[in-house]
Amino acid sequence: MEVTVEVELTASERELLLTILEDHDRELLREISRTDRHGYRLTLKEDAKCVEAILNKLRVARPAGLVSA
């Protein structure tokens, strides 16, 4: 069973989290390309998919109280 969690972030916290996750995603991609161990590579790829999913959610999230024009 998948559990959903909601987190409230300020705009600056959101930007910092995006930066941290983007940096981590780049590191994961580098590590994936460098490793020779198949099992470890698969684990890293799953981690990268998860990080990318979180990044996508953060990028499309609208701050509370803002209405699109």
Protein backbone atom coordinates (compact mmCIF):
# COMPACT_ATOMS: atom_id res chain seq x y z
CA MET A 1 0.00 0.00 0.00
CA GLU A 2 1.34 3.39 -1.05
CA VAL A 3 1.20 6.14 1.57
CA THR A 4 0.70 9.76 0.55
CA VAL A 5 2.37 12.54 2.53
CA GLU A 6 1.72 16.26 2.28
CA VAL A 7 4.41 18.76 3.20
CA GLU A 8 3.99 22.51 3.33
CA LEU A 9 7.02 24.45 2.12
CA THR A 10 7.77 28.12 1.81
CA ALA A 11 8.87 29.32 -1.61
CA SER A 12 12.50 29.44 -0.49
CA GLU A 13 12.29 25.94 1.01
CA ARG A 14 10.78 24.65 -2.25
CA GLU A 15 13.60 26.22 -4.29
CA LEU A 16 16.25 24.78 -1.98
CA LEU A 17 14.67 21.33 -2.13
CA LEU A 18 14.56 21.53 -5.94
CA THR A 19 18.24 22.46 -6.04
CA ILE A 20 19.23 19.64 -3.67
CA LEU A 21 17.21 17.05 -5.59
CA GLU A 22 18.51 18.24 -8.98
CA ASP A 23 22.09 17.93 -7.70
CA HIS A 24 21.38 14.47 -6.30
CA ASP A 25 19.74 13.40 -9.58
CA ARG A 26 22.87 14.41 -11.51
CA GLU A 27 25.04 12.45 -9.06
CA LEU A 28 22.82 9.39 -9.44
CA LEU A 29 23.09 9.54 -13.23
CA ARG A 30 26.89 9.78 -12.97
CA GLU A 31 27.01 6.85 -10.59
CA ILE A 32 24.74 4.79 -12.85
CA SER A 33 27.08 5.34 -15.77
CA ARG A 34 30.17 4.46 -13.69
CA THR A 35 29.06 1.29 -11.93
CA ASP A 36 29.73 -2.19 -13.28
CA ARG A 37 27.47 -3.98 -10.79
CA HIS A 38 24.13 -4.78 -12.42
CA GLY A 39 22.13 -5.02 -9.20
CA TYR A 40 23.52 -1.74 -7.89
CA ARG A 41 22.80 -0.06 -11.23
CA LEU A 42 19.16 -1.20 -11.06
CA THR A 43 18.84 0.17 -7.53
CA LEU A 44 20.30 3.50 -8.62
CA LYS A 45 17.94 3.66 -11.60
CA GLU A 46 14.95 3.11 -9.31
CA ASP A 47 16.24 5.85 -7.01
CA ALA A 48 16.67 8.18 -9.99
CA LYS A 49 13.08 7.51 -11.12
CA CYS A 50 11.84 8.36 -7.65
CA VAL A 51 13.89 11.57 -7.48
CA GLU A 52 12.66 12.60 -10.95
CA ALA A 53 9.04 11.96 -9.92
CA ILE A 54 9.48 14.17 -6.85
CA LEU A 55 11.14 16.87 -8.96
CA ASN A 56 8.25 16.80 -11.43
CA LYS A 57 5.73 17.19 -8.61
CA LEU A 58 7.64 20.10 -7.13
CA ARG A 59 8.01 21.81 -10.50
CA VAL A 60 4.28 21.75 -11.27
CA ALA A 61 3.09 22.51 -7.73
CA ARG A 62 1.37 25.85 -7.41
CA PRO A 63 1.80 27.86 -4.23
CA ALA A 64 -1.36 27.91 -2.09
CA GLY A 65 -3.55 30.91 -2.69
CA LEU A 66 -2.41 31.50 -6.27
CA VAL A 67 -4.97 31.22 -9.04
CA SER A 68 -3.91 30.71 -12.65
CA ALA A 69 -4.96 33.43 -15.08
